[in-house]
Amino acid sequence: MSDTVQSTMQEFPLTTTAILRHGASVYADSVVLTYEGDGVREATYADVAERSARLAAGLTSLGVKAGDRVGTFMWNTQEHLEAYLAVPSMGAVLHTLNLRLFPEQLAYVIDHAQDKVVIVDATVLPLLAKVADQIPTVEQYVLVGSGDTSALRGVPVVQYEELLAGAADDFS
């Protein structure tokens, strides 16, 4: 290899975890905004990084391992960003689910991907509930917000904030 090519190569792999750690140290005070209909919620990138680490630890406590698929059925929110950072950082596969799919398409996509856990926003929970009996691979739901989970065919549901509250704030 020529010296020019070698000098442009990185000294470490560019992973989601590296991006997360870099952002948390260099852009800690930058703000992430989430529109909530009646206002805007703010969090610093340092907060998002800490919560992402807690989410990764929480998902690990639910049995998610490297290579497992974690579906997200959510709007573009702070919690979705946390999932974007946490899931790949723990070695699992992030599987974003399209909110605009027809129910039969949604069921097919979740089942075909073999999502083990689905993180779902309470505002779209009724859409997911329509196909809950058609997605046997899902072992756990993580609910962002509150809503009626009775239609989720008895699959355990944990509240997002409760999952984070009981988890460590590092990726070790």
C-alpha atoms as a PDB file:
ATOM      1  CA  MET A   1       0.000   0.000   0.000  1.00  0.00           C
ATOM      2  CA  SER A   2       1.242   3.477  -0.717  1.00  0.00           C
ATOM      3  CA  ASP A   3       2.082   5.918   2.092  1.00  0.00           C
ATOM      4  CA  THR A   4      -0.749   8.196   0.969  1.00  0.00           C
ATOM      5  CA  VAL A   5      -3.385   5.499   1.390  1.00  0.00           C
ATOM      6  CA  GLN A   6      -1.973   4.356   4.738  1.00  0.00           C
ATOM      7  CA  SER A   7      -1.943   7.867   6.185  1.00  0.00           C
ATOM      8  CA  THR A   8      -5.658   8.331   5.522  1.00  0.00           C
ATOM      9  CA  MET A   9      -6.767   5.123   7.259  1.00  0.00           C
ATOM     10  CA  GLN A  10      -8.255   5.299  10.734  1.00  0.00           C
ATOM     11  CA  GLU A  11      -6.517   3.988  13.813  1.00  0.00           C
ATOM     12  CA  PHE A  12      -9.759   2.410  15.111  1.00  0.00           C
ATOM     13  CA  PRO A  13     -13.032   1.168  13.614  1.00  0.00           C
ATOM     14  CA  LEU A  14     -15.751   3.757  13.059  1.00  0.00           C
ATOM     15  CA  THR A  15     -18.559   2.162  15.061  1.00  0.00           C
ATOM     16  CA  THR A  16     -21.774   3.521  16.507  1.00  0.00           C
ATOM     17  CA  THR A  17     -20.207   3.267  19.965  1.00  0.00           C
ATOM     18  CA  ALA A  18     -17.251   5.390  18.861  1.00  0.00           C
ATOM     19  CA  ILE A  19     -19.599   7.985  17.363  1.00  0.00           C
ATOM     20  CA  LEU A  20     -21.651   7.997  20.561  1.00  0.00           C
ATOM     21  CA  ARG A  21     -18.620   8.464  22.802  1.00  0.00           C
ATOM     22  CA  HIS A  22     -17.161  11.172  20.559  1.00  0.00           C
ATOM     23  CA  GLY A  23     -20.441  13.068  20.494  1.00  0.00           C
ATOM     24  CA  ALA A  24     -20.849  12.777  24.264  1.00  0.00           C
ATOM     25  CA  SER A  25     -17.397  14.218  24.888  1.00  0.00           C
ATOM     26  CA  VAL A  26     -17.147  16.848  22.139  1.00  0.00           C
ATOM     27  CA  TYR A  27     -20.801  17.910  21.826  1.00  0.00           C
ATOM     28  CA  ALA A  28     -22.054  17.186  25.360  1.00  0.00           C
ATOM     29  CA  ASP A  29     -23.889  20.509  25.625  1.00  0.00           C
ATOM     30  CA  SER A  30     -25.546  20.341  22.192  1.00  0.00           C
ATOM     31  CA  VAL A  31     -29.307  20.045  22.432  1.00  0.00           C
ATOM     32  CA  VAL A  32     -31.643  17.380  21.084  1.00  0.00           C
ATOM     33  CA  LEU A  33     -35.215  18.651  20.636  1.00  0.00           C
ATOM     34  CA  THR A  34     -38.358  16.539  20.575  1.00  0.00           C
ATOM     35  CA  TYR A  35     -41.616  18.123  19.470  1.00  0.00           C
ATOM     36  CA  GLU A  36     -44.508  16.835  21.575  1.00  0.00           C
ATOM     37  CA  GLY A  37     -47.525  18.528  20.028  1.00  0.00           C
ATOM     38  CA  ASP A  38     -47.976  21.067  22.789  1.00  0.00           C
ATOM     39  CA  GLY A  39     -44.334  22.020  23.192  1.00  0.00           C
ATOM     40  CA  VAL A  40     -40.739  21.026  22.753  1.00  0.00           C
ATOM     41  CA  ARG A  41     -38.718  18.843  25.107  1.00  0.00           C
ATOM     42  CA  GLU A  42     -34.939  19.378  25.350  1.00  0.00           C
ATOM     43  CA  ALA A  43     -32.080  17.113  26.337  1.00  0.00           C
ATOM     44  CA  THR A  44     -28.343  17.556  25.965  1.00  0.00           C
ATOM     45  CA  TYR A  45     -26.352  15.100  23.904  1.00  0.00           C
ATOM     46  CA  ALA A  46     -24.621  14.066  27.152  1.00  0.00           C
ATOM     47  CA  ASP A  47     -28.057  13.151  28.549  1.00  0.00           C
ATOM     48  CA  VAL A  48     -28.925  11.218  25.397  1.00  0.00           C
ATOM     49  CA  ALA A  49     -25.604   9.348  25.553  1.00  0.00           C
ATOM     50  CA  GLU A  50     -26.155   8.374  29.198  1.00  0.00           C
ATOM     51  CA  ARG A  51     -29.718   7.260  28.500  1.00  0.00           C
ATOM     52  CA  SER A  52     -28.525   5.290  25.456  1.00  0.00           C
ATOM     53  CA  ALA A  53     -26.085   3.427  27.681  1.00  0.00           C
ATOM     54  CA  ARG A  54     -28.890   2.741  30.154  1.00  0.00           C
ATOM     55  CA  LEU A  55     -31.112   1.487  27.329  1.00  0.00           C
ATOM     56  CA  ALA A  56     -28.382  -0.885  26.144  1.00  0.00           C
ATOM     57  CA  ALA A  57     -27.933  -2.210  29.687  1.00  0.00           C
ATOM     58  CA  GLY A  58     -31.703  -2.503  30.095  1.00  0.00           C
ATOM     59  CA  LEU A  59     -32.106  -4.412  26.830  1.00  0.00           C
ATOM     60  CA  THR A  60     -29.279  -6.706  27.910  1.00  0.00           C
ATOM     61  CA  SER A  61     -31.178  -7.400  31.126  1.00  0.00           C
ATOM     62  CA  LEU A  62     -34.160  -8.424  28.969  1.00  0.00           C
ATOM     63  CA  GLY A  63     -31.990 -11.031  27.272  1.00  0.00           C
ATOM     64  CA  VAL A  64     -31.016  -9.153  24.106  1.00  0.00           C
ATOM     65  CA  LYS A  65     -27.629 -10.374  22.869  1.00  0.00           C
ATOM     66  CA  ALA A  66     -25.318  -9.494  20.006  1.00  0.00           C
ATOM     67  CA  GLY A  67     -27.015 -10.332  16.723  1.00  0.00           C
ATOM     68  CA  ASP A  68     -30.570 -10.207  18.109  1.00  0.00           C
ATOM     69  CA  ARG A  69     -33.009  -7.926  16.325  1.00  0.00           C
ATOM     70  CA  VAL A  70     -34.652  -5.038  18.193  1.00  0.00           C
ATOM     71  CA  GLY A  71     -37.513  -3.407  16.332  1.00  0.00           C
ATOM     72  CA  THR A  72     -38.488   0.222  16.834  1.00  0.00           C
ATOM     73  CA  PHE A  73     -42.016   1.341  16.066  1.00  0.00           C
ATOM     74  CA  MET A  74     -41.678   4.988  16.962  1.00  0.00           C
ATOM     75  CA  TRP A  75     -41.791   8.569  15.803  1.00  0.00           C
ATOM     76  CA  ASN A  76     -38.607  10.621  15.394  1.00  0.00           C
ATOM     77  CA  THR A  77     -38.066  11.396  19.098  1.00  0.00           C
ATOM     78  CA  GLN A  78     -35.288  11.528  21.649  1.00  0.00           C
ATOM     79  CA  GLU A  79     -36.114   7.951  22.673  1.00  0.00           C
ATOM     80  CA  HIS A  80     -35.799   6.791  19.070  1.00  0.00           C
ATOM     81  CA  LEU A  81     -32.388   8.463  18.832  1.00  0.00           C
ATOM     82  CA  GLU A  82     -31.409   6.679  22.044  1.00  0.00           C
ATOM     83  CA  ALA A  83     -32.396   3.366  20.450  1.00  0.00           C
ATOM     84  CA  TYR A  84     -30.456   4.253  17.280  1.00  0.00           C
ATOM     85  CA  LEU A  85     -27.349   4.657  19.435  1.00  0.00           C
ATOM     86  CA  ALA A  86     -27.917   1.920  22.020  1.00  0.00           C
ATOM     87  CA  VAL A  87     -28.918  -1.092  19.953  1.00  0.00           C
ATOM     88  CA  PRO A  88     -25.974  -1.173  17.505  1.00  0.00           C
ATOM     89  CA  SER A  89     -23.578  -0.206  20.299  1.00  0.00           C
ATOM     90  CA  MET A  90     -24.503  -3.373  22.177  1.00  0.00           C
ATOM     91  CA  GLY A  91     -23.992  -5.502  19.062  1.00  0.00           C
ATOM     92  CA  ALA A  92     -27.679  -6.086  18.382  1.00  0.00           C
ATOM     93  CA  VAL A  93     -29.391  -5.207  15.112  1.00  0.00           C
ATOM     94  CA  LEU A  94     -31.620  -2.135  15.004  1.00  0.00           C
ATOM     95  CA  HIS A  95     -34.712  -2.782  12.892  1.00  0.00           C
ATOM     96  CA  THR A  96     -36.744   0.367  12.314  1.00  0.00           C
ATOM     97  CA  LEU A  97     -40.338  -0.428  11.436  1.00  0.00           C
ATOM     98  CA  ASN A  98     -42.225   1.751   8.992  1.00  0.00           C
ATOM     99  CA  LEU A  99     -45.188   3.421  10.691  1.00  0.00           C
ATOM    100  CA  ARG A 100     -47.039   3.622   7.385  1.00  0.00           C
ATOM    101  CA  LEU A 101     -47.151  -0.069   6.524  1.00  0.00           C
ATOM    102  CA  PHE A 102     -50.467  -1.869   6.268  1.00  0.00           C
ATOM    103  CA  PRO A 103     -51.040  -4.257   9.196  1.00  0.00           C
ATOM    104  CA  GLU A 104     -50.331  -7.418   7.186  1.00  0.00           C
ATOM    105  CA  GLN A 105     -47.077  -5.882   5.899  1.00  0.00           C
ATOM    106  CA  LEU A 106     -46.036  -4.850   9.403  1.00  0.00           C
ATOM    107  CA  ALA A 107     -46.674  -8.349  10.734  1.00  0.00           C
ATOM    108  CA  TYR A 108     -44.698  -9.911   7.884  1.00  0.00           C
ATOM    109  CA  VAL A 109     -41.722  -7.583   8.339  1.00  0.00           C
ATOM    110  CA  ILE A 110     -41.505  -8.123  12.122  1.00  0.00           C
ATOM    111  CA  ASP A 111     -41.894 -11.892  11.845  1.00  0.00           C
ATOM    112  CA  HIS A 112     -39.513 -12.226   8.907  1.00  0.00           C
ATOM    113  CA  ALA A 113     -36.825 -10.214  10.724  1.00  0.00           C
ATOM    114  CA  GLN A 114     -37.441 -12.253  13.885  1.00  0.00           C
ATOM    115  CA  ASP A 115     -37.511  -9.179  16.113  1.00  0.00           C
ATOM    116  CA  LYS A 116     -36.990 -10.323  19.712  1.00  0.00           C
ATOM    117  CA  VAL A 117     -37.941  -7.001  21.335  1.00  0.00           C
ATOM    118  CA  VAL A 118     -39.974  -4.122  19.933  1.00  0.00           C
ATOM    119  CA  ILE A 119     -39.677  -0.628  21.374  1.00  0.00           C
ATOM    120  CA  VAL A 120     -42.991   1.063  20.651  1.00  0.00           C
ATOM    121  CA  ASP A 121     -44.319   4.572  21.120  1.00  0.00           C
ATOM    122  CA  ALA A 122     -47.658   4.572  22.950  1.00  0.00           C
ATOM    123  CA  THR A 123     -49.256   6.737  20.254  1.00  0.00           C
ATOM    124  CA  VAL A 124     -48.799   3.951  17.663  1.00  0.00           C
ATOM    125  CA  LEU A 125     -49.432   1.051  20.046  1.00  0.00           C
ATOM    126  CA  PRO A 126     -52.949   0.453  18.615  1.00  0.00           C
ATOM    127  CA  LEU A 127     -51.404  -0.193  15.174  1.00  0.00           C
ATOM    128  CA  LEU A 128     -49.017  -2.765  16.601  1.00  0.00           C
ATOM    129  CA  ALA A 129     -51.729  -4.331  18.748  1.00  0.00           C
ATOM    130  CA  LYS A 130     -53.670  -5.189  15.540  1.00  0.00           C
ATOM    131  CA  VAL A 131     -50.937  -7.650  14.543  1.00  0.00           C
ATOM    132  CA  ALA A 132     -49.644  -8.818  17.939  1.00  0.00           C
ATOM    133  CA  ASP A 133     -51.058 -12.312  17.449  1.00  0.00           C
ATOM    134  CA  GLN A 134     -49.162 -12.629  14.147  1.00  0.00           C
ATOM    135  CA  ILE A 135     -45.646 -11.898  15.466  1.00  0.00           C
ATOM    136  CA  PRO A 136     -44.599 -14.867  17.625  1.00  0.00           C
ATOM    137  CA  THR A 137     -40.906 -13.972  17.629  1.00  0.00           C
ATOM    138  CA  VAL A 138     -41.493 -10.916  19.835  1.00  0.00           C
ATOM    139  CA  GLU A 139     -40.676 -11.851  23.438  1.00  0.00           C
ATOM    140  CA  GLN A 140     -40.878  -8.391  25.004  1.00  0.00           C
ATOM    141  CA  TYR A 141     -42.245  -4.931  24.318  1.00  0.00           C
ATOM    142  CA  VAL A 142     -40.744  -1.709  25.646  1.00  0.00           C
ATOM    143  CA  LEU A 143     -43.394   0.998  25.798  1.00  0.00           C
ATOM    144  CA  VAL A 144     -42.501   4.680  25.485  1.00  0.00           C
ATOM    145  CA  GLY A 145     -45.328   6.565  27.196  1.00  0.00           C
ATOM    146  CA  SER A 146     -48.459   4.918  28.498  1.00  0.00           C
ATOM    147  CA  GLY A 147     -51.247   3.039  26.806  1.00  0.00           C
ATOM    148  CA  ASP A 148     -53.463  -0.027  26.875  1.00  0.00           C
ATOM    149  CA  THR A 149     -51.215  -3.050  26.347  1.00  0.00           C
ATOM    150  CA  SER A 150     -53.906  -5.692  26.865  1.00  0.00           C
ATOM    151  CA  ALA A 151     -54.045  -6.537  23.133  1.00  0.00           C
ATOM    152  CA  LEU A 152     -50.370  -7.565  22.988  1.00  0.00           C
ATOM    153  CA  ARG A 153     -51.270 -11.274  23.438  1.00  0.00           C
ATOM    154  CA  GLY A 154     -49.818 -11.520  26.932  1.00  0.00           C
ATOM    155  CA  VAL A 155     -46.258 -10.706  25.871  1.00  0.00           C
ATOM    156  CA  PRO A 156     -44.478  -8.891  28.730  1.00  0.00           C
ATOM    157  CA  VAL A 157     -44.354  -5.099  28.501  1.00  0.00           C
ATOM    158  CA  VAL A 158     -41.901  -2.896  30.360  1.00  0.00           C
ATOM    159  CA  GLN A 159     -42.122   0.879  30.531  1.00  0.00           C
ATOM    160  CA  TYR A 160     -39.188   2.594  28.824  1.00  0.00           C
ATOM    161  CA  GLU A 161     -38.421   4.911  31.743  1.00  0.00           C
ATOM    162  CA  GLU A 162     -38.593   2.031  34.246  1.00  0.00           C
ATOM    163  CA  LEU A 163     -36.176   0.014  32.107  1.00  0.00           C
ATOM    164  CA  LEU A 164     -33.713   2.907  32.070  1.00  0.00           C
ATOM    165  CA  ALA A 165     -34.149   3.680  35.781  1.00  0.00           C
ATOM    166  CA  GLY A 166     -32.890   0.263  36.823  1.00  0.00           C
ATOM    167  CA  ALA A 167     -29.955   0.066  34.402  1.00  0.00           C
ATOM    168  CA  ALA A 168     -26.275   1.001  34.526  1.00  0.00           C
ATOM    169  CA  ASP A 169     -25.142   4.065  32.573  1.00  0.00           C
ATOM    170  CA  ASP A 170     -22.230   2.490  30.720  1.00  0.00           C
ATOM    171  CA  PHE A 171     -21.752   0.000  27.903  1.00  0.00           C
ATOM    172  CA  SER A 172     -19.517  -2.386  29.851  1.00  0.00           C
END
